[in-house]
Amino acid sequence: MKRRAVLFALLVIATLPGAAQSIVPDLYQAIARYFNPDPNAGLTAFRSLNIPMGGLAEGMGMAYTAVSKDSSYFESNPAASSSLEATELSVYHNNWIGDTKVEGAVYTIRYKGLGFGIGGKWLYLPFVGTDDFGDNIGSGNYSEASAGFNISYNFFQGYYFSGFAVGATGKVAYRAVPSSLTEAIGNSAIAIMVDGGILTRFNFMKFYSSRSKNAAVGLTVKNFGPAVLGEALPTSASLGLAYSPLKPFLFSADITKPLNLLQPAKSESFIYAIGFMLSVTDFFRFQTGFLLKGGNPRLSVGSSFDIDLLKVTVNYTLDLTTQFTPLNRISIQAGFSLGDLGRAELAKKVETLYLTGLEAYARGDVVSAIGAWSSTLELDPSFDPARESLRAAMGSEDLKKGIEELQRLEK
């Protein structure tokens, strides 16, 4: 069954480019006619920082600020590393536009409420320079590379409330410009910046049973840093929402405001994104998203499937510029789950002890129930049901002792 689902996903993705080129451009043009190009687009440096590596984030149209459930968080919300289920190593490849490629990698790990991550990406574009007579005057690669270190912490985490996560990612970026392109593009440069984010998850109008929360809100500020050679960085602020009314369905929405810190009046217009993910099985998912940036609609579709400890995500994106020229690209992510440092096993022990306490309490053995619930809290102090039950049981014991003391006094 699992192999059939994987083969079906690959077949669907293989047919997407042809189907999309024949159907979607007409829809894109109908939408794009209502939007004008942004006159402030392209005025900032290191534009590669806005190009996604791939993964679920790109598949959901970059409406991922509040979702952030895998290593794609590294480009979406730095607060999410403190709430990921497993340690993960992911590698990315994105065929961007023409010969432009983006390669990336992210490693993330969590210790209780403290999360860490390290990652980077590299954009490169081969070129051949010619003079006015068409003679070859040089060749090489224009490239931009960035690397960052992430840290986050999840405050107030408990059974009923998943916590309030705060995180930051410090980044360094380098732009390599061959001498033959210096006049057209500018000089090579180094940039330093930081991303900051907050994230909280909670239950809201939840129509299924699950320990996981079904709604989330995230807020981020990305690429905040000083100007580079007189050019502002592509700083932006994003607000994201995510909601899962039923277990198989996940909806998300982001609104992003680009910020030109050198010339605020020349900041780009708002960017809007919506995303959707359908979990067909525990190991097979479809995702799609739509992003609108100025007069540039972008539609992404893809799927993600798990094979043992490997998760593969493949996305197909159709981009339509304001000249109605379809640009097609495919990205792939391979994510390796490296374990959860025993968190799942600990959760099982905690639940088993809690149930043992309930059974003892139902039999009238309050002392054994108190012992089981005390052991539960020693393993997991945030397991609120055990604390509530323990408080009730100890109150019952105190009341029983009080009654026994009164009876002795009456005698």
Protein backbone atom coordinates (compact mmCIF):
# COMPACT_ATOMS: atom_id res chain seq x y z
CA MET A 1 0.00 0.00 0.00
CA LYS A 2 2.78 2.39 0.94
CA ARG A 3 4.72 1.71 -2.26
CA ARG A 4 1.61 2.27 -4.37
CA ALA A 5 1.01 5.63 -2.71
CA VAL A 6 4.60 6.71 -3.36
CA LEU A 7 4.42 5.64 -7.02
CA PHE A 8 1.12 7.47 -7.43
CA ALA A 9 2.67 10.65 -5.98
CA LEU A 10 5.61 10.46 -8.37
CA LEU A 11 3.25 9.90 -11.31
CA VAL A 12 1.15 12.93 -10.39
CA ILE A 13 4.21 15.16 -10.05
CA ALA A 14 5.62 13.91 -13.36
CA THR A 15 2.44 14.97 -15.18
CA LEU A 16 2.18 18.39 -13.50
CA PRO A 17 4.42 20.45 -15.82
CA GLY A 18 2.52 19.54 -18.97
CA ALA A 19 -0.91 19.89 -17.39
CA ALA A 20 -0.01 23.16 -15.70
CA GLN A 21 1.38 24.73 -18.87
CA SER A 22 -1.82 23.94 -20.75
CA ILE A 23 -4.33 25.00 -18.07
CA VAL A 24 -2.86 27.31 -15.45
CA PRO A 25 -1.38 30.15 -17.60
CA ASP A 26 -4.85 31.21 -18.74
CA LEU A 27 -5.96 31.39 -15.11
CA TYR A 28 -2.78 33.25 -14.18
CA GLN A 29 -3.29 35.85 -16.89
CA ALA A 30 -6.87 36.41 -15.79
CA ILE A 31 -5.64 37.07 -12.24
CA ALA A 32 -2.55 39.07 -13.15
CA ARG A 33 -4.50 41.56 -15.26
CA TYR A 34 -5.89 43.03 -12.06
CA PHE A 35 -2.45 43.69 -10.57
CA ASN A 36 0.25 46.11 -11.68
CA PRO A 37 4.00 45.56 -11.33
CA ASP A 38 5.48 46.90 -8.12
CA PRO A 39 7.68 49.93 -9.02
CA ASN A 40 9.82 49.30 -5.92
CA ALA A 41 10.61 45.67 -6.73
CA GLY A 42 14.28 44.74 -6.99
CA LEU A 43 15.70 47.72 -5.09
CA THR A 44 17.35 45.65 -2.35
CA ALA A 45 20.53 43.56 -2.26
CA PHE A 46 20.90 39.80 -1.78
CA ARG A 47 17.60 38.90 -3.42
CA SER A 48 18.49 35.22 -3.09
CA LEU A 49 17.44 35.49 0.56
CA ASN A 50 13.84 35.61 -0.73
CA ILE A 51 14.22 32.52 -2.93
CA PRO A 52 13.05 29.41 -1.07
CA MET A 53 15.16 26.28 -0.87
CA GLY A 54 12.03 24.14 -1.29
CA GLY A 55 10.26 21.70 1.01
CA LEU A 56 6.82 22.10 2.55
CA ALA A 57 7.29 25.87 2.83
CA GLU A 58 7.51 26.34 -0.95
CA GLY A 59 4.87 23.69 -1.59
CA MET A 60 2.40 25.67 0.55
CA GLY A 61 3.13 28.89 -1.31
CA MET A 62 5.41 30.17 1.50
CA ALA A 63 2.34 30.49 3.77
CA TYR A 64 4.41 28.73 6.41
CA THR A 65 5.11 31.24 9.20
CA ALA A 66 2.60 29.59 11.56
CA VAL A 67 2.94 26.03 10.19
CA SER A 68 6.73 25.53 10.54
CA LYS A 69 6.55 21.81 11.30
CA ASP A 70 9.80 20.63 9.68
CA SER A 71 13.23 22.00 8.78
CA SER A 72 11.60 24.44 6.33
CA TYR A 73 11.12 26.59 9.43
CA PHE A 74 14.69 27.82 8.91
CA GLU A 75 13.46 30.23 6.22
CA SER A 76 10.01 30.82 7.71
CA ASN A 77 10.03 31.17 11.50
CA PRO A 78 13.14 30.85 13.72
CA ALA A 79 10.95 30.18 16.79
CA ALA A 80 9.87 26.75 15.53
CA SER A 81 13.04 24.75 16.29
CA SER A 82 11.99 24.49 19.96
CA SER A 83 8.80 22.59 19.08
CA LEU A 84 9.84 20.17 16.30
CA GLU A 85 9.16 16.51 17.04
CA ALA A 86 12.45 15.03 15.80
CA THR A 87 16.05 15.82 15.05
CA GLU A 88 16.26 16.33 11.30
CA LEU A 89 18.84 16.72 8.54
CA SER A 90 17.47 17.99 5.23
CA VAL A 91 19.08 18.71 1.89
CA TYR A 92 17.41 20.76 -0.85
CA HIS A 93 17.74 21.32 -4.58
CA ASN A 94 15.69 23.93 -6.41
CA ASN A 95 15.80 24.48 -10.17
CA TRP A 96 14.96 28.16 -10.07
CA ILE A 97 14.80 30.12 -13.34
CA GLY A 98 16.81 29.18 -16.43
CA ASP A 99 20.23 27.96 -15.36
CA THR A 100 19.88 29.37 -11.85
CA LYS A 101 20.05 26.72 -9.14
CA VAL A 102 19.63 26.86 -5.36
CA GLU A 103 21.21 24.23 -3.11
CA GLY A 104 20.57 24.10 0.63
CA ALA A 105 20.93 22.09 3.83
CA VAL A 106 19.49 22.38 7.35
CA TYR A 107 20.22 20.45 10.55
CA THR A 108 17.98 20.96 13.58
CA ILE A 109 17.79 19.41 17.05
CA ARG A 110 15.75 20.00 20.23
CA TYR A 111 16.51 19.41 23.91
CA LYS A 112 13.20 19.66 25.81
CA GLY A 113 12.12 23.29 25.24
CA LEU A 114 15.40 24.46 23.70
CA GLY A 115 15.90 24.20 19.94
CA PHE A 116 18.97 24.67 17.75
CA GLY A 117 19.50 24.73 14.01
CA ILE A 118 22.22 25.38 11.49
CA GLY A 119 21.77 25.76 7.77
CA GLY A 120 22.65 27.53 4.59
CA LYS A 121 21.97 27.83 0.90
CA TRP A 122 23.85 28.66 -2.25
CA LEU A 123 22.47 30.26 -5.41
CA TYR A 124 24.62 30.13 -8.52
CA LEU A 125 24.20 31.23 -12.12
CA PRO A 126 26.72 30.25 -14.81
CA PHE A 127 27.29 32.90 -17.48
CA VAL A 128 29.41 33.71 -20.54
CA GLY A 129 30.33 37.34 -21.10
CA THR A 130 30.55 38.84 -24.61
CA ASP A 131 31.56 42.23 -25.94
CA ASP A 132 29.70 44.42 -28.46
CA PHE A 133 31.00 42.26 -31.30
CA GLY A 134 29.82 38.98 -29.73
CA ASP A 135 33.31 37.84 -28.80
CA ASN A 136 33.74 35.82 -25.63
CA ILE A 137 35.39 37.96 -22.95
CA GLY A 138 35.02 35.65 -19.96
CA SER A 139 32.88 33.11 -18.14
CA GLY A 140 32.18 32.11 -14.57
CA ASN A 141 29.49 31.96 -11.92
CA TYR A 142 27.54 34.69 -10.23
CA SER A 143 26.65 33.34 -6.80
CA GLU A 144 25.15 34.25 -3.45
CA ALA A 145 25.60 32.12 -0.35
CA SER A 146 24.20 32.47 3.15
CA ALA A 147 24.60 30.51 6.39
CA GLY A 148 22.97 30.88 9.77
CA PHE A 149 22.71 29.56 13.31
CA ASN A 150 19.33 29.29 15.01
CA ILE A 151 18.31 29.12 18.65
CA SER A 152 14.84 29.21 20.21
CA TYR A 153 13.08 28.45 23.48
CA ASN A 154 9.51 27.42 24.20
CA PHE A 155 8.21 29.18 27.34
CA PHE A 156 5.27 28.04 29.52
CA GLN A 157 4.92 24.68 27.78
CA GLY A 158 2.30 22.41 29.35
CA TYR A 159 -0.32 19.79 28.59
CA TYR A 160 -3.09 22.22 27.70
CA PHE A 161 -0.91 25.01 26.33
CA SER A 162 1.87 24.16 23.89
CA GLY A 163 3.91 27.18 24.95
CA PHE A 164 5.08 30.48 23.59
CA ALA A 165 8.19 30.01 21.47
CA VAL A 166 10.70 32.79 20.78
CA GLY A 167 13.68 32.37 18.47
CA ALA A 168 16.38 34.09 16.44
CA THR A 169 18.71 33.16 13.59
CA GLY A 170 21.95 35.02 12.98
CA LYS A 171 23.03 34.93 9.34
CA VAL A 172 25.99 35.86 7.17
CA ALA A 173 25.67 36.20 3.39
CA TYR A 174 28.31 36.54 0.69
CA ARG A 175 27.88 37.74 -2.90
CA ALA A 176 30.54 36.69 -5.41
CA VAL A 177 30.61 38.83 -8.55
CA PRO A 178 33.17 38.08 -11.30
CA SER A 179 35.10 41.11 -12.52
CA SER A 180 33.41 40.98 -15.94
CA LEU A 181 30.01 41.56 -14.27
CA THR A 182 31.03 44.22 -11.77
CA GLU A 183 29.72 47.17 -13.79
CA ALA A 184 26.33 45.54 -14.36
CA ILE A 185 25.72 44.00 -10.92
CA GLY A 186 28.11 45.63 -8.49
CA ASN A 187 30.97 44.44 -6.34
CA SER A 188 31.27 41.34 -4.24
CA ALA A 189 30.01 41.94 -0.72
CA ILE A 190 29.35 40.47 2.73
CA ALA A 191 26.14 41.04 4.71
CA ILE A 192 25.25 40.37 8.35
CA MET A 193 21.63 40.07 9.47
CA VAL A 194 19.26 38.42 11.93
CA ASP A 195 15.82 36.82 11.79
CA GLY A 196 13.49 36.91 14.80
CA GLY A 197 10.20 35.14 15.39
CA ILE A 198 7.49 34.08 17.82
CA LEU A 199 5.12 31.13 17.55
CA THR A 200 2.29 29.73 19.62
CA ARG A 201 -0.05 26.79 19.04
CA PHE A 202 -3.47 26.20 20.61
CA ASN A 203 -6.81 24.46 20.09
CA PHE A 204 -9.60 26.33 18.32
CA MET A 205 -12.85 24.82 17.02
CA LYS A 206 -11.22 21.38 16.92
CA PHE A 207 -13.42 18.58 15.58
CA TYR A 208 -11.11 15.62 16.15
CA SER A 209 -9.21 14.02 19.02
CA SER A 210 -5.45 14.55 19.14
CA ARG A 211 -2.75 15.70 21.54
CA SER A 212 -1.43 18.09 18.90
CA LYS A 213 -2.88 21.60 18.72
CA ASN A 214 -4.92 22.48 15.63
CA ALA A 215 -4.27 26.23 15.32
CA ALA A 216 -1.19 28.45 15.36
CA VAL A 217 -0.11 32.07 15.06
CA GLY A 218 3.38 33.20 14.07
CA LEU A 219 5.11 36.53 13.63
CA THR A 220 8.57 37.09 12.14
CA VAL A 221 11.01 39.78 11.08
CA LYS A 222 13.57 38.51 8.58
CA ASN A 223 16.85 39.77 7.13
CA PHE A 224 17.18 42.69 9.54
CA GLY A 225 20.62 44.23 9.21
CA PRO A 226 22.76 47.11 7.98
CA ALA A 227 22.94 48.18 4.35
CA VAL A 228 25.53 46.66 2.02
CA LEU A 229 27.44 48.95 -0.34
CA GLY A 230 24.62 51.48 -0.18
CA GLU A 231 21.88 48.91 -0.78
CA ALA A 232 19.25 47.82 1.75
CA LEU A 233 18.77 44.17 2.64
CA PRO A 234 15.44 42.50 1.74
CA THR A 235 14.03 42.97 5.24
CA SER A 236 10.41 41.89 5.80
CA ALA A 237 7.82 41.34 8.53
CA SER A 238 5.31 38.48 8.30
CA LEU A 239 2.18 37.45 10.16
CA GLY A 240 0.99 33.87 9.67
CA LEU A 241 -2.05 31.82 10.68
CA ALA A 242 -2.61 28.06 10.48
CA TYR A 243 -5.75 26.06 11.17
CA SER A 244 -6.70 22.38 10.97
CA PRO A 245 -10.47 21.91 11.50
CA LEU A 246 -10.26 18.18 10.70
CA LYS A 247 -7.21 15.99 11.06
CA PRO A 248 -6.41 15.49 7.33
CA PHE A 249 -6.74 19.20 6.43
CA LEU A 250 -4.38 22.08 7.14
CA PHE A 251 -5.00 25.64 5.92
CA SER A 252 -2.54 28.51 6.24
CA ALA A 253 -2.26 32.17 5.32
CA ASP A 254 0.57 34.71 5.47
CA ILE A 255 0.75 38.44 4.93
CA THR A 256 4.21 39.93 4.48
CA LYS A 257 5.35 43.55 4.34
CA PRO A 258 8.77 44.13 2.73
CA LEU A 259 10.75 46.88 4.46
CA ASN A 260 13.39 49.02 2.77
CA LEU A 261 15.27 50.28 5.82
CA LEU A 262 17.28 52.80 3.80
CA GLN A 263 14.32 54.32 1.96
CA PRO A 264 11.09 53.32 3.74
CA ALA A 265 8.97 55.10 1.14
CA LYS A 266 10.36 52.70 -1.49
CA SER A 267 9.36 49.55 0.37
CA GLU A 268 7.56 47.00 -1.79
CA SER A 269 3.83 46.36 -1.51
CA PHE A 270 2.31 43.68 0.71
CA ILE A 271 2.79 40.02 -0.27
CA TYR A 272 -0.09 37.59 0.26
CA ALA A 273 0.13 33.79 0.46
CA ILE A 274 -2.27 30.96 1.17
CA GLY A 275 -1.49 27.28 1.57
CA PHE A 276 -3.22 23.93 1.97
CA MET A 277 -2.04 20.44 2.91
CA LEU A 278 -4.00 17.19 2.71
CA SER A 279 -2.70 14.23 4.72
CA VAL A 280 -3.91 11.25 2.70
CA THR A 281 -2.22 8.78 5.08
CA ASP A 282 0.31 9.04 7.89
CA PHE A 283 3.09 8.80 5.31
CA PHE A 284 1.65 10.54 2.24
CA ARG A 285 0.58 14.19 1.82
CA PHE A 286 -0.37 16.64 -0.92
CA GLN A 287 0.32 20.35 -0.59
CA THR A 288 -0.46 23.41 -2.66
CA GLY A 289 -0.11 27.15 -2.28
CA PHE A 290 -0.66 30.47 -4.00
CA LEU A 291 1.53 33.54 -3.54
CA LEU A 292 0.80 37.01 -4.89
CA LYS A 293 3.66 39.48 -5.02
CA GLY A 294 2.78 42.62 -6.96
CA GLY A 295 1.69 41.52 -10.42
CA ASN A 296 3.43 38.18 -10.05
CA PRO A 297 1.10 35.26 -9.15
CA ARG A 298 2.83 32.03 -8.22
CA LEU A 299 1.16 28.63 -7.86
CA SER A 300 2.88 25.64 -6.23
CA VAL A 301 1.73 22.04 -6.03
CA GLY A 302 3.53 18.98 -4.73
CA SER A 303 3.54 15.98 -2.47
CA SER A 304 5.49 14.60 0.46
CA PHE A 305 5.92 10.97 1.43
CA ASP A 306 7.82 9.09 4.12
CA ILE A 307 9.92 6.01 3.51
CA ASP A 308 11.02 4.72 6.92
CA LEU A 309 13.19 7.57 8.30
CA LEU A 310 13.38 9.44 4.98
CA LYS A 311 10.90 12.12 3.97
CA VAL A 312 10.87 13.27 0.34
CA THR A 313 9.07 16.44 -0.75
CA VAL A 314 8.75 17.34 -4.42
CA ASN A 315 7.16 20.60 -5.59
CA TYR A 316 6.28 22.03 -8.96
CA THR A 317 5.91 25.82 -9.17
CA LEU A 318 4.47 27.85 -12.02
CA ASP A 319 5.46 31.50 -11.91
CA LEU A 320 3.91 34.16 -14.11
CA THR A 321 5.70 37.47 -14.49
CA THR A 322 3.90 40.65 -15.42
CA GLN A 323 4.77 39.92 -19.06
CA PHE A 324 2.67 36.71 -18.80
CA THR A 325 5.68 34.51 -19.41
CA PRO A 326 5.31 31.19 -17.56
CA LEU A 327 8.38 30.15 -15.59
CA ASN A 328 8.42 26.56 -14.39
CA ARG A 329 10.60 25.06 -11.73
CA ILE A 330 10.85 21.90 -9.63
CA SER A 331 12.34 21.56 -6.16
CA ILE A 332 13.10 18.47 -4.11
CA GLN A 333 13.84 18.00 -0.42
CA ALA A 334 15.21 14.88 1.26
CA GLY A 335 14.75 14.98 5.02
CA PHE A 336 16.31 12.39 7.33
CA SER A 337 14.71 11.84 10.75
CA LEU A 338 17.49 11.22 13.27
CA GLY A 339 15.35 10.36 16.30
CA ASP A 340 13.68 12.38 19.04
CA LEU A 341 16.16 11.90 21.92
CA GLY A 342 13.71 9.54 23.62
CA ARG A 343 10.79 12.00 23.84
CA ALA A 344 8.22 9.58 22.39
CA GLU A 345 9.27 6.79 24.75
CA LEU A 346 9.13 9.18 27.70
CA ALA A 347 5.63 10.30 26.69
CA LYS A 348 4.47 6.66 26.68
CA LYS A 349 5.87 6.09 30.17
CA VAL A 350 4.21 9.26 31.43
CA GLU A 351 0.81 8.27 30.04
CA THR A 352 1.15 4.71 31.37
CA LEU A 353 1.91 5.98 34.87
CA TYR A 354 -0.98 8.41 34.72
CA LEU A 355 -3.41 5.66 33.69
CA THR A 356 -2.05 3.43 36.43
CA GLY A 357 -2.92 6.16 38.90
CA LEU A 358 -6.45 6.45 37.51
CA GLU A 359 -6.99 2.71 37.84
CA ALA A 360 -5.75 2.73 41.44
CA TYR A 361 -7.96 5.69 42.32
CA ALA A 362 -10.99 3.95 40.79
CA ARG A 363 -10.30 0.94 43.04
CA GLY A 364 -10.20 3.23 46.06
CA ASP A 365 -6.43 2.82 46.51
CA VAL A 366 -5.68 6.53 46.91
CA VAL A 367 -2.17 5.98 48.28
CA SER A 368 -1.08 4.03 45.17
CA ALA A 369 -2.72 6.63 42.94
CA ILE A 370 -0.80 9.43 44.66
CA GLY A 371 2.44 7.50 44.18
CA ALA A 372 1.78 6.90 40.47
CA TRP A 373 0.89 10.53 39.81
CA SER A 374 3.89 11.78 41.78
CA SER A 375 6.14 9.57 39.60
CA THR A 376 4.38 10.94 36.52
CA LEU A 377 5.28 14.50 37.46
CA GLU A 378 8.87 13.51 38.21
CA LEU A 379 9.18 12.33 34.61
CA ASP A 380 7.23 15.21 33.10
CA PRO A 381 6.51 18.24 35.34
CA SER A 382 4.39 19.78 32.55
CA PHE A 383 1.82 16.94 32.54
CA ASP A 384 -1.02 18.98 34.02
CA PRO A 385 -3.66 16.17 34.28
CA ALA A 386 -1.41 14.31 36.74
CA ARG A 387 -0.93 17.47 38.80
CA GLU A 388 -4.69 18.08 38.91
CA SER A 389 -5.42 14.46 39.85
CA LEU A 390 -2.69 14.50 42.50
CA ARG A 391 -4.09 17.66 44.02
CA ALA A 392 -7.58 16.14 44.16
CA ALA A 393 -6.30 12.87 45.63
CA MET A 394 -4.23 14.61 48.31
CA GLY A 395 -7.20 16.77 49.16
CA SER A 396 -9.29 13.62 49.51
CA GLU A 397 -6.68 12.09 51.79
CA ASP A 398 -6.51 15.22 53.94
CA LEU A 399 -10.30 15.21 54.23
CA LYS A 400 -10.27 11.52 55.19
CA LYS A 401 -7.64 12.12 57.86
CA GLY A 402 -9.62 15.07 59.18
CA ILE A 403 -12.76 12.96 59.50
CA GLU A 404 -10.84 10.18 61.25
CA GLU A 405 -9.36 12.72 63.69
CA LEU A 406 -12.82 14.07 64.51
CA GLN A 407 -14.11 10.57 65.11
CA ARG A 408 -11.29 9.89 67.56
CA LEU A 409 -12.01 13.09 69.44
CA GLU A 410 -15.70 12.22 69.76
CA LYS A 411 -14.81 8.88 71.32
